[in-house]
Amino acid sequence: MNNPYVIETQELTKRFKQFEAVRSVSLRIFGGQITGFLGRNGAGKTTTIKMLLGITHPTSGSGTVLGHRIDIPKESVEMRKHVAYVGEDKQLYPYMTVEELIRFTKSFYTDWRPDLERQLLKRYELPPGRKIKSLSKGMRTKLALLVALARRPALLILDEPSEGLDPVSVEDLLQSLVRTASEGTAVFFSSHQIEEVERIADRISMIDQGKLVMDFSLDQFRMNYRRVILGFASQPPTAGSELFRMAGIDHVRADGRQITILSSHNAEAILEQARHCHAVSVDVQPITLREVFLEKVGADN
């Protein structure tokens, strides 16, 4: 596959009658990385994932996963041979034992890896003879991951994988995703748990109210994103000021004689322009992913 993107969409949109669940989302997700798909509950993450998997048909726009068109059923079926998916609800057969589910699942895949199955069974400490209905949510998540990963897929898609897990199970899950990515599988996972995403992701795509609001690598974020706090002795610049038209200004909040700017880059030039606007105090601070998320989501609401 010459295309460097495992997922690529253009203006992907989904409407349910008058409700627009996903609005013109254009994604480019690189292979060989862990990408966190960040957003609040109800932001449009699950609907986007269902379109990527061919479960839901887009209202408009287009997309490819592993080079296969998501809106053409034949291509979507071919794509799913190389994609593993773990949904939020972890739908498994409750009447089966762990061993029975593994045996049942692997019968569908000619590329099943028995060695990897045994390795994951041991690593996740799953009891082969226990009924699935008696497993904890953390154990069911691990079992869902096992049957997804034992195929060694090119792409692993997860929807809120840590939902309802205890801290120990969350840690196990995150380490599993890091290990999976290091072995060559691209990982795309949705979450509203910001700290978890920030810990393991290489890249962040942030969605709110169905709209992609930010898309960046975490290395880029840590190097360039800053909060700039400006104080003025008198009335601060208004919205039409040259200061607010500068490249790199992502969001501005005014509070009396203080202006707080979220900048994605170009901080030095922004500071220089602030001095031209007679700022009497300037404070530049690093910013966390949580703070950016709250600023951006709050701004859009």
C-alpha atoms as a PDB file:
ATOM      1  CA  MET A   1       0.000   0.000   0.000  1.00  0.00           C
ATOM      2  CA  ASN A   2       1.651   3.200  -1.215  1.00  0.00           C
ATOM      3  CA  ASN A   3      -0.756   5.470   0.628  1.00  0.00           C
ATOM      4  CA  PRO A   4       0.888   6.436   3.966  1.00  0.00           C
ATOM      5  CA  TYR A   5      -2.537   6.825   5.581  1.00  0.00           C
ATOM      6  CA  VAL A   6      -4.364   3.842   7.061  1.00  0.00           C
ATOM      7  CA  ILE A   7      -7.461   6.033   7.359  1.00  0.00           C
ATOM      8  CA  GLU A   8      -8.284   8.967   5.084  1.00  0.00           C
ATOM      9  CA  THR A   9     -11.610  10.781   4.860  1.00  0.00           C
ATOM     10  CA  GLN A  10     -12.831  13.842   2.972  1.00  0.00           C
ATOM     11  CA  GLU A  11     -15.785  15.835   4.290  1.00  0.00           C
ATOM     12  CA  LEU A  12     -17.286  12.737   5.896  1.00  0.00           C
ATOM     13  CA  THR A  13     -20.826  13.539   7.050  1.00  0.00           C
ATOM     14  CA  LYS A  14     -23.652  11.563   8.662  1.00  0.00           C
ATOM     15  CA  ARG A  15     -27.174  12.882   9.248  1.00  0.00           C
ATOM     16  CA  PHE A  16     -30.000  11.187  11.072  1.00  0.00           C
ATOM     17  CA  LYS A  17     -33.059  13.062   9.781  1.00  0.00           C
ATOM     18  CA  GLN A  18     -32.403  16.649  10.912  1.00  0.00           C
ATOM     19  CA  PHE A  19     -29.561  15.749  13.306  1.00  0.00           C
ATOM     20  CA  GLU A  20     -26.032  16.012  11.927  1.00  0.00           C
ATOM     21  CA  ALA A  21     -23.994  13.541  14.007  1.00  0.00           C
ATOM     22  CA  VAL A  22     -20.777  13.974  12.004  1.00  0.00           C
ATOM     23  CA  ARG A  23     -20.049  17.164  10.090  1.00  0.00           C
ATOM     24  CA  SER A  24     -17.548  17.276   7.216  1.00  0.00           C
ATOM     25  CA  VAL A  25     -14.778  15.374   9.008  1.00  0.00           C
ATOM     26  CA  SER A  26     -11.507  15.110   7.065  1.00  0.00           C
ATOM     27  CA  LEU A  27      -9.043  12.744   8.734  1.00  0.00           C
ATOM     28  CA  ARG A  28      -5.584  11.539   7.776  1.00  0.00           C
ATOM     29  CA  ILE A  29      -4.359   8.796  10.088  1.00  0.00           C
ATOM     30  CA  PHE A  30      -0.824   7.532   9.562  1.00  0.00           C
ATOM     31  CA  GLY A  31       0.245   3.912   9.768  1.00  0.00           C
ATOM     32  CA  GLY A  32       2.729   2.854  12.418  1.00  0.00           C
ATOM     33  CA  GLN A  33       1.214   5.137  15.052  1.00  0.00           C
ATOM     34  CA  ILE A  34      -1.243   5.239  17.924  1.00  0.00           C
ATOM     35  CA  THR A  35      -3.887   7.867  17.205  1.00  0.00           C
ATOM     36  CA  GLY A  36      -6.250   9.019  19.939  1.00  0.00           C
ATOM     37  CA  PHE A  37      -9.700  10.079  18.743  1.00  0.00           C
ATOM     38  CA  LEU A  38     -10.648  12.436  21.528  1.00  0.00           C
ATOM     39  CA  GLY A  39     -14.077  13.849  22.315  1.00  0.00           C
ATOM     40  CA  ARG A  40     -16.839  14.044  24.861  1.00  0.00           C
ATOM     41  CA  ASN A  41     -19.603  11.447  25.058  1.00  0.00           C
ATOM     42  CA  GLY A  42     -21.925  12.080  22.124  1.00  0.00           C
ATOM     43  CA  ALA A  43     -19.326  14.062  20.154  1.00  0.00           C
ATOM     44  CA  GLY A  44     -19.589  11.807  17.074  1.00  0.00           C
ATOM     45  CA  LYS A  45     -16.744   9.356  17.718  1.00  0.00           C
ATOM     46  CA  THR A  46     -18.773   6.137  17.507  1.00  0.00           C
ATOM     47  CA  THR A  47     -20.685   7.259  14.406  1.00  0.00           C
ATOM     48  CA  THR A  48     -17.404   8.108  12.679  1.00  0.00           C
ATOM     49  CA  ILE A  49     -15.955   4.703  13.560  1.00  0.00           C
ATOM     50  CA  LYS A  50     -19.065   2.914  12.277  1.00  0.00           C
ATOM     51  CA  MET A  51     -18.715   4.733   8.949  1.00  0.00           C
ATOM     52  CA  LEU A  52     -15.040   3.767   8.738  1.00  0.00           C
ATOM     53  CA  LEU A  53     -15.963   0.115   9.283  1.00  0.00           C
ATOM     54  CA  GLY A  54     -18.796   0.156   6.741  1.00  0.00           C
ATOM     55  CA  ILE A  55     -21.411  -0.481   9.446  1.00  0.00           C
ATOM     56  CA  THR A  56     -23.072   2.887   8.759  1.00  0.00           C
ATOM     57  CA  HIS A  57     -23.183   4.509   5.324  1.00  0.00           C
ATOM     58  CA  PRO A  58     -22.091   8.180   5.066  1.00  0.00           C
ATOM     59  CA  THR A  59     -24.702  10.742   4.079  1.00  0.00           C
ATOM     60  CA  SER A  60     -22.007  12.524   2.095  1.00  0.00           C
ATOM     61  CA  GLY A  61     -18.244  12.672   1.784  1.00  0.00           C
ATOM     62  CA  SER A  62     -15.857   9.787   1.181  1.00  0.00           C
ATOM     63  CA  GLY A  63     -13.123   7.801   2.850  1.00  0.00           C
ATOM     64  CA  THR A  64     -10.692   4.923   2.626  1.00  0.00           C
ATOM     65  CA  VAL A  65      -9.385   2.484   5.223  1.00  0.00           C
ATOM     66  CA  LEU A  66      -6.198   0.645   4.250  1.00  0.00           C
ATOM     67  CA  GLY A  67      -6.789   1.959   0.733  1.00  0.00           C
ATOM     68  CA  HIS A  68     -10.310   0.479   0.447  1.00  0.00           C
ATOM     69  CA  ARG A  69     -13.358   2.684  -0.142  1.00  0.00           C
ATOM     70  CA  ILE A  70     -15.668   2.641   2.869  1.00  0.00           C
ATOM     71  CA  ASP A  71     -18.796   3.380   0.795  1.00  0.00           C
ATOM     72  CA  ILE A  72     -18.406   0.397  -1.567  1.00  0.00           C
ATOM     73  CA  PRO A  73     -19.642  -2.805   0.139  1.00  0.00           C
ATOM     74  CA  LYS A  74     -17.246  -5.148  -1.692  1.00  0.00           C
ATOM     75  CA  GLU A  75     -14.223  -3.021  -0.771  1.00  0.00           C
ATOM     76  CA  SER A  76     -15.458  -2.592   2.792  1.00  0.00           C
ATOM     77  CA  VAL A  77     -15.672  -6.369   3.223  1.00  0.00           C
ATOM     78  CA  GLU A  78     -12.122  -6.770   1.884  1.00  0.00           C
ATOM     79  CA  MET A  79     -10.896  -4.036   4.235  1.00  0.00           C
ATOM     80  CA  ARG A  80     -12.377  -5.744   7.292  1.00  0.00           C
ATOM     81  CA  LYS A  81     -10.203  -8.798   6.661  1.00  0.00           C
ATOM     82  CA  HIS A  82      -7.257  -6.656   7.786  1.00  0.00           C
ATOM     83  CA  VAL A  83      -8.947  -4.553  10.482  1.00  0.00           C
ATOM     84  CA  ALA A  84      -9.745  -5.644  14.029  1.00  0.00           C
ATOM     85  CA  TYR A  85     -12.451  -3.800  15.945  1.00  0.00           C
ATOM     86  CA  VAL A  86     -13.259  -3.737  19.646  1.00  0.00           C
ATOM     87  CA  GLY A  87     -16.493  -1.884  20.389  1.00  0.00           C
ATOM     88  CA  GLU A  88     -17.481  -0.133  23.586  1.00  0.00           C
ATOM     89  CA  ASP A  89     -20.080  -2.776  24.462  1.00  0.00           C
ATOM     90  CA  LYS A  90     -17.619  -5.720  24.016  1.00  0.00           C
ATOM     91  CA  GLN A  91     -20.325  -7.915  22.491  1.00  0.00           C
ATOM     92  CA  LEU A  92     -19.285 -11.535  23.160  1.00  0.00           C
ATOM     93  CA  TYR A  93     -21.251 -14.769  23.475  1.00  0.00           C
ATOM     94  CA  PRO A  94     -22.008 -15.023  27.227  1.00  0.00           C
ATOM     95  CA  TYR A  95     -22.862 -18.737  27.165  1.00  0.00           C
ATOM     96  CA  MET A  96     -19.435 -19.695  25.771  1.00  0.00           C
ATOM     97  CA  THR A  97     -16.273 -20.263  27.742  1.00  0.00           C
ATOM     98  CA  VAL A  98     -13.131 -18.293  26.960  1.00  0.00           C
ATOM     99  CA  GLU A  99     -11.673 -21.317  25.189  1.00  0.00           C
ATOM    100  CA  GLU A 100     -14.842 -21.918  23.157  1.00  0.00           C
ATOM    101  CA  LEU A 101     -15.005 -18.308  21.966  1.00  0.00           C
ATOM    102  CA  ILE A 102     -11.359 -18.380  20.861  1.00  0.00           C
ATOM    103  CA  ARG A 103     -11.901 -21.661  18.998  1.00  0.00           C
ATOM    104  CA  PHE A 104     -15.090 -20.325  17.392  1.00  0.00           C
ATOM    105  CA  THR A 105     -13.471 -17.016  16.325  1.00  0.00           C
ATOM    106  CA  LYS A 106     -10.283 -18.438  14.868  1.00  0.00           C
ATOM    107  CA  SER A 107     -12.271 -20.749  12.582  1.00  0.00           C
ATOM    108  CA  PHE A 108     -13.121 -17.665  10.481  1.00  0.00           C
ATOM    109  CA  TYR A 109      -9.527 -16.513   9.918  1.00  0.00           C
ATOM    110  CA  THR A 110      -6.879 -18.250   7.857  1.00  0.00           C
ATOM    111  CA  ASP A 111      -4.244 -15.818   9.197  1.00  0.00           C
ATOM    112  CA  TRP A 112      -4.892 -16.681  12.859  1.00  0.00           C
ATOM    113  CA  ARG A 113      -1.683 -16.864  14.909  1.00  0.00           C
ATOM    114  CA  PRO A 114      -1.861 -19.766  17.422  1.00  0.00           C
ATOM    115  CA  ASP A 115       1.464 -18.683  18.941  1.00  0.00           C
ATOM    116  CA  LEU A 116       0.135 -15.176  19.532  1.00  0.00           C
ATOM    117  CA  GLU A 117      -3.113 -16.595  20.917  1.00  0.00           C
ATOM    118  CA  ARG A 118      -1.171 -18.592  23.527  1.00  0.00           C
ATOM    119  CA  GLN A 119       1.036 -15.607  24.329  1.00  0.00           C
ATOM    120  CA  LEU A 120      -1.940 -13.276  24.862  1.00  0.00           C
ATOM    121  CA  LEU A 121      -3.893 -15.885  26.823  1.00  0.00           C
ATOM    122  CA  LYS A 122      -0.987 -16.099  29.265  1.00  0.00           C
ATOM    123  CA  ARG A 123      -0.274 -12.362  29.320  1.00  0.00           C
ATOM    124  CA  TYR A 124      -3.902 -11.440  30.001  1.00  0.00           C
ATOM    125  CA  GLU A 125      -4.297 -14.262  32.568  1.00  0.00           C
ATOM    126  CA  LEU A 126      -7.590 -15.354  31.026  1.00  0.00           C
ATOM    127  CA  PRO A 127      -9.161 -18.548  32.478  1.00  0.00           C
ATOM    128  CA  PRO A 128      -9.881 -20.818  29.459  1.00  0.00           C
ATOM    129  CA  GLY A 129     -12.687 -22.785  31.102  1.00  0.00           C
ATOM    130  CA  ARG A 130     -14.668 -19.891  32.567  1.00  0.00           C
ATOM    131  CA  LYS A 131     -17.966 -18.748  31.067  1.00  0.00           C
ATOM    132  CA  ILE A 132     -17.806 -15.288  29.506  1.00  0.00           C
ATOM    133  CA  LYS A 133     -20.893 -14.162  31.441  1.00  0.00           C
ATOM    134  CA  SER A 134     -18.937 -14.642  34.683  1.00  0.00           C
ATOM    135  CA  LEU A 135     -15.945 -12.517  33.578  1.00  0.00           C
ATOM    136  CA  SER A 136     -15.373  -8.990  34.859  1.00  0.00           C
ATOM    137  CA  LYS A 137     -15.585  -6.129  32.377  1.00  0.00           C
ATOM    138  CA  GLY A 138     -11.793  -5.875  32.403  1.00  0.00           C
ATOM    139  CA  MET A 139     -11.455  -9.569  31.554  1.00  0.00           C
ATOM    140  CA  ARG A 140     -14.024  -9.268  28.751  1.00  0.00           C
ATOM    141  CA  THR A 141     -12.042  -6.354  27.330  1.00  0.00           C
ATOM    142  CA  LYS A 142      -8.866  -8.442  27.394  1.00  0.00           C
ATOM    143  CA  LEU A 143     -10.666 -11.336  25.698  1.00  0.00           C
ATOM    144  CA  ALA A 144     -12.012  -8.996  23.005  1.00  0.00           C
ATOM    145  CA  LEU A 145      -8.468  -7.730  22.465  1.00  0.00           C
ATOM    146  CA  LEU A 146      -7.115 -11.271  22.244  1.00  0.00           C
ATOM    147  CA  VAL A 147      -9.519 -12.339  19.488  1.00  0.00           C
ATOM    148  CA  ALA A 148      -8.803  -9.058  17.679  1.00  0.00           C
ATOM    149  CA  LEU A 149      -5.012  -9.187  17.944  1.00  0.00           C
ATOM    150  CA  ALA A 150      -4.383 -12.890  17.378  1.00  0.00           C
ATOM    151  CA  ARG A 151      -4.900 -12.183  13.669  1.00  0.00           C
ATOM    152  CA  ARG A 152      -2.080  -9.604  13.764  1.00  0.00           C
ATOM    153  CA  PRO A 153      -4.263  -7.020  11.973  1.00  0.00           C
ATOM    154  CA  ALA A 154      -2.865  -4.097   9.990  1.00  0.00           C
ATOM    155  CA  LEU A 155      -5.197  -1.735  11.877  1.00  0.00           C
ATOM    156  CA  LEU A 156      -6.834  -1.986  15.303  1.00  0.00           C
ATOM    157  CA  ILE A 157      -9.856   0.256  15.935  1.00  0.00           C
ATOM    158  CA  LEU A 158     -11.215   0.576  19.474  1.00  0.00           C
ATOM    159  CA  ASP A 159     -14.213   2.530  20.708  1.00  0.00           C
ATOM    160  CA  GLU A 160     -13.891   3.701  24.337  1.00  0.00           C
ATOM    161  CA  PRO A 161     -11.863   0.605  25.285  1.00  0.00           C
ATOM    162  CA  SER A 162     -11.233   1.655  28.908  1.00  0.00           C
ATOM    163  CA  GLU A 163     -14.880   2.464  29.719  1.00  0.00           C
ATOM    164  CA  GLY A 164     -15.773   0.944  33.097  1.00  0.00           C
ATOM    165  CA  LEU A 165     -12.346  -0.567  33.777  1.00  0.00           C
ATOM    166  CA  ASP A 166     -10.551  -0.338  37.111  1.00  0.00           C
ATOM    167  CA  PRO A 167      -7.119   1.399  37.222  1.00  0.00           C
ATOM    168  CA  VAL A 168      -5.142  -1.864  37.049  1.00  0.00           C
ATOM    169  CA  SER A 169      -7.114  -3.048  34.004  1.00  0.00           C
ATOM    170  CA  VAL A 170      -6.704   0.362  32.342  1.00  0.00           C
ATOM    171  CA  GLU A 171      -2.937   0.151  32.820  1.00  0.00           C
ATOM    172  CA  ASP A 172      -2.880  -3.349  31.318  1.00  0.00           C
ATOM    173  CA  LEU A 173      -4.926  -2.123  28.366  1.00  0.00           C
ATOM    174  CA  LEU A 174      -2.675   0.865  27.666  1.00  0.00           C
ATOM    175  CA  GLN A 175       0.457  -1.274  27.807  1.00  0.00           C
ATOM    176  CA  SER A 176      -1.165  -3.761  25.423  1.00  0.00           C
ATOM    177  CA  LEU A 177      -1.872  -0.991  22.913  1.00  0.00           C
ATOM    178  CA  VAL A 178       1.700   0.304  23.103  1.00  0.00           C
ATOM    179  CA  ARG A 179       3.035  -3.234  22.614  1.00  0.00           C
ATOM    180  CA  THR A 180       0.667  -3.834  19.704  1.00  0.00           C
ATOM    181  CA  ALA A 181       1.785  -0.639  17.948  1.00  0.00           C
ATOM    182  CA  SER A 182       5.450  -1.522  18.463  1.00  0.00           C
ATOM    183  CA  GLU A 183       4.800  -4.804  16.644  1.00  0.00           C
ATOM    184  CA  GLY A 184       3.536  -3.000  13.540  1.00  0.00           C
ATOM    185  CA  THR A 185      -0.225  -2.634  14.005  1.00  0.00           C
ATOM    186  CA  ALA A 186      -1.650   0.876  13.608  1.00  0.00           C
ATOM    187  CA  VAL A 187      -3.979   1.753  16.500  1.00  0.00           C
ATOM    188  CA  PHE A 188      -6.921   4.165  16.284  1.00  0.00           C
ATOM    189  CA  PHE A 189      -8.881   4.458  19.499  1.00  0.00           C
ATOM    190  CA  SER A 190     -11.634   6.753  20.660  1.00  0.00           C
ATOM    191  CA  SER A 191     -11.807   8.032  24.217  1.00  0.00           C
ATOM    192  CA  HIS A 192     -12.931  10.883  26.415  1.00  0.00           C
ATOM    193  CA  GLN A 193     -10.281   9.968  29.013  1.00  0.00           C
ATOM    194  CA  ILE A 194      -7.719  12.639  28.205  1.00  0.00           C
ATOM    195  CA  GLU A 195      -4.897  11.467  30.464  1.00  0.00           C
ATOM    196  CA  GLU A 196      -4.988   7.966  28.969  1.00  0.00           C
ATOM    197  CA  VAL A 197      -4.818   9.335  25.434  1.00  0.00           C
ATOM    198  CA  GLU A 198      -1.960  11.690  26.259  1.00  0.00           C
ATOM    199  CA  ARG A 199       0.079   8.885  27.810  1.00  0.00           C
ATOM    200  CA  ILE A 200       0.271   6.606  24.783  1.00  0.00           C
ATOM    201  CA  ALA A 201      -0.856   8.440  21.627  1.00  0.00           C
ATOM    202  CA  ASP A 202       1.467   9.700  18.919  1.00  0.00           C
ATOM    203  CA  ARG A 203      -1.257  11.828  17.394  1.00  0.00           C
ATOM    204  CA  ILE A 204      -4.554  13.393  18.476  1.00  0.00           C
ATOM    205  CA  SER A 205      -7.694  14.015  16.453  1.00  0.00           C
ATOM    206  CA  MET A 206     -10.245  15.947  18.506  1.00  0.00           C
ATOM    207  CA  ILE A 207     -13.950  16.010  17.638  1.00  0.00           C
ATOM    208  CA  ASP A 208     -16.776  18.015  19.181  1.00  0.00           C
ATOM    209  CA  GLN A 209     -20.436  18.219  18.149  1.00  0.00           C
ATOM    210  CA  GLY A 210     -19.595  16.107  15.104  1.00  0.00           C
ATOM    211  CA  LYS A 211     -16.890  18.485  13.885  1.00  0.00           C
ATOM    212  CA  LEU A 212     -13.126  17.918  13.819  1.00  0.00           C
ATOM    213  CA  VAL A 213     -11.793  20.792  15.923  1.00  0.00           C
ATOM    214  CA  MET A 214      -8.096  19.898  16.279  1.00  0.00           C
ATOM    215  CA  ASP A 215      -5.625  17.492  14.672  1.00  0.00           C
ATOM    216  CA  PHE A 216      -1.947  17.375  15.678  1.00  0.00           C
ATOM    217  CA  SER A 217       0.966  15.186  16.704  1.00  0.00           C
ATOM    218  CA  LEU A 218       1.716  15.143  20.425  1.00  0.00           C
ATOM    219  CA  ASP A 219       5.358  16.038  19.731  1.00  0.00           C
ATOM    220  CA  GLN A 220       4.142  19.099  17.818  1.00  0.00           C
ATOM    221  CA  PHE A 221       1.758  19.907  20.644  1.00  0.00           C
ATOM    222  CA  ARG A 222       4.421  19.763  23.345  1.00  0.00           C
ATOM    223  CA  MET A 223       6.870  21.851  21.326  1.00  0.00           C
ATOM    224  CA  ASN A 224       4.529  24.566  20.096  1.00  0.00           C
ATOM    225  CA  TYR A 225       1.314  24.953  22.087  1.00  0.00           C
ATOM    226  CA  ARG A 226       1.409  27.692  24.704  1.00  0.00           C
ATOM    227  CA  ARG A 227      -0.900  29.785  26.823  1.00  0.00           C
ATOM    228  CA  VAL A 228      -0.055  33.485  26.539  1.00  0.00           C
ATOM    229  CA  ILE A 229      -1.500  35.742  29.256  1.00  0.00           C
ATOM    230  CA  LEU A 230      -1.398  39.476  28.547  1.00  0.00           C
ATOM    231  CA  GLY A 231      -2.177  42.275  30.986  1.00  0.00           C
ATOM    232  CA  PHE A 232      -3.024  45.858  29.986  1.00  0.00           C
ATOM    233  CA  ALA A 233      -3.045  49.073  32.018  1.00  0.00           C
ATOM    234  CA  SER A 234      -6.110  50.315  30.155  1.00  0.00           C
ATOM    235  CA  GLN A 235      -8.648  48.919  27.696  1.00  0.00           C
ATOM    236  CA  PRO A 236      -7.126  45.876  25.919  1.00  0.00           C
ATOM    237  CA  PRO A 237      -7.182  45.462  22.120  1.00  0.00           C
ATOM    238  CA  THR A 238     -10.564  44.636  20.600  1.00  0.00           C
ATOM    239  CA  ALA A 239     -11.437  41.695  18.358  1.00  0.00           C
ATOM    240  CA  GLY A 240     -10.505  43.616  15.198  1.00  0.00           C
ATOM    241  CA  SER A 241      -6.958  44.265  16.392  1.00  0.00           C
ATOM    242  CA  GLU A 242      -3.936  43.104  14.395  1.00  0.00           C
ATOM    243  CA  LEU A 243      -2.988  41.009  17.416  1.00  0.00           C
ATOM    244  CA  PHE A 244      -5.954  38.675  16.995  1.00  0.00           C
ATOM    245  CA  ARG A 245      -5.344  38.171  13.266  1.00  0.00           C
ATOM    246  CA  MET A 246      -1.891  36.672  13.757  1.00  0.00           C
ATOM    247  CA  ALA A 247      -1.047  33.151  12.641  1.00  0.00           C
ATOM    248  CA  GLY A 248      -0.970  30.632  15.449  1.00  0.00           C
ATOM    249  CA  ILE A 249      -3.782  32.097  17.564  1.00  0.00           C
ATOM    250  CA  ASP A 250      -6.223  29.272  18.164  1.00  0.00           C
ATOM    251  CA  HIS A 251      -8.475  30.772  20.822  1.00  0.00           C
ATOM    252  CA  VAL A 252      -8.764  34.092  22.714  1.00  0.00           C
ATOM    253  CA  ARG A 253     -10.515  34.762  26.010  1.00  0.00           C
ATOM    254  CA  ALA A 254     -10.867  38.267  27.470  1.00  0.00           C
ATOM    255  CA  ASP A 255     -11.463  39.016  31.146  1.00  0.00           C
ATOM    256  CA  GLY A 256     -11.397  42.711  32.010  1.00  0.00           C
ATOM    257  CA  ARG A 257      -7.907  44.021  31.261  1.00  0.00           C
ATOM    258  CA  GLN A 258      -6.464  40.531  30.815  1.00  0.00           C
ATOM    259  CA  ILE A 259      -6.367  38.546  27.590  1.00  0.00           C
ATOM    260  CA  THR A 260      -5.543  34.837  27.473  1.00  0.00           C
ATOM    261  CA  ILE A 261      -4.426  33.415  24.136  1.00  0.00           C
ATOM    262  CA  LEU A 262      -4.102  29.761  23.222  1.00  0.00           C
ATOM    263  CA  SER A 263      -1.429  29.586  20.535  1.00  0.00           C
ATOM    264  CA  SER A 264      -0.614  26.548  18.412  1.00  0.00           C
ATOM    265  CA  HIS A 265       2.640  28.105  17.105  1.00  0.00           C
ATOM    266  CA  ASN A 266       4.254  31.492  16.416  1.00  0.00           C
ATOM    267  CA  ALA A 267       4.371  32.432  20.127  1.00  0.00           C
ATOM    268  CA  GLU A 268       7.372  34.758  19.759  1.00  0.00           C
ATOM    269  CA  ALA A 269       5.725  36.832  17.031  1.00  0.00           C
ATOM    270  CA  ILE A 270       2.512  36.980  19.061  1.00  0.00           C
ATOM    271  CA  LEU A 271       4.483  38.331  22.027  1.00  0.00           C
ATOM    272  CA  GLU A 272       6.138  40.944  19.841  1.00  0.00           C
ATOM    273  CA  GLN A 273       2.774  42.112  18.542  1.00  0.00           C
ATOM    274  CA  ALA A 274       1.413  42.187  22.112  1.00  0.00           C
ATOM    275  CA  ARG A 275       4.202  44.601  23.093  1.00  0.00           C
ATOM    276  CA  HIS A 276       3.249  46.830  20.149  1.00  0.00           C
ATOM    277  CA  CYS A 277      -0.270  46.835  21.619  1.00  0.00           C
ATOM    278  CA  HIS A 278       1.216  48.125  24.913  1.00  0.00           C
ATOM    279  CA  ALA A 279       0.797  45.026  27.054  1.00  0.00           C
ATOM    280  CA  VAL A 280       2.269  45.786  30.485  1.00  0.00           C
ATOM    281  CA  SER A 281       2.624  42.155  31.542  1.00  0.00           C
ATOM    282  CA  VAL A 282       3.308  39.008  29.544  1.00  0.00           C
ATOM    283  CA  ASP A 283       3.295  35.445  30.825  1.00  0.00           C
ATOM    284  CA  VAL A 284       3.927  32.414  28.593  1.00  0.00           C
ATOM    285  CA  GLN A 285       3.045  28.976  29.984  1.00  0.00           C
ATOM    286  CA  PRO A 286       3.115  25.406  28.717  1.00  0.00           C
ATOM    287  CA  ILE A 287      -0.318  23.846  28.474  1.00  0.00           C
ATOM    288  CA  THR A 288      -1.666  20.336  29.011  1.00  0.00           C
ATOM    289  CA  LEU A 289      -3.827  18.390  26.596  1.00  0.00           C
ATOM    290  CA  ARG A 290      -6.675  18.545  29.122  1.00  0.00           C
ATOM    291  CA  GLU A 291      -6.461  22.353  29.188  1.00  0.00           C
ATOM    292  CA  VAL A 292      -6.475  22.552  25.381  1.00  0.00           C
ATOM    293  CA  PHE A 293      -9.455  20.209  25.249  1.00  0.00           C
ATOM    294  CA  LEU A 294     -11.436  22.253  27.770  1.00  0.00           C
ATOM    295  CA  GLU A 295     -10.517  25.540  26.078  1.00  0.00           C
ATOM    296  CA  LYS A 296     -11.486  24.271  22.646  1.00  0.00           C
ATOM    297  CA  VAL A 297     -14.673  22.468  23.610  1.00  0.00           C
ATOM    298  CA  GLY A 298     -15.713  25.342  25.837  1.00  0.00           C
ATOM    299  CA  ALA A 299     -15.055  27.805  23.023  1.00  0.00           C
ATOM    300  CA  ASP A 300     -17.225  25.843  20.611  1.00  0.00           C
ATOM    301  CA  ASN A 301     -20.098  25.665  23.059  1.00  0.00           C
END
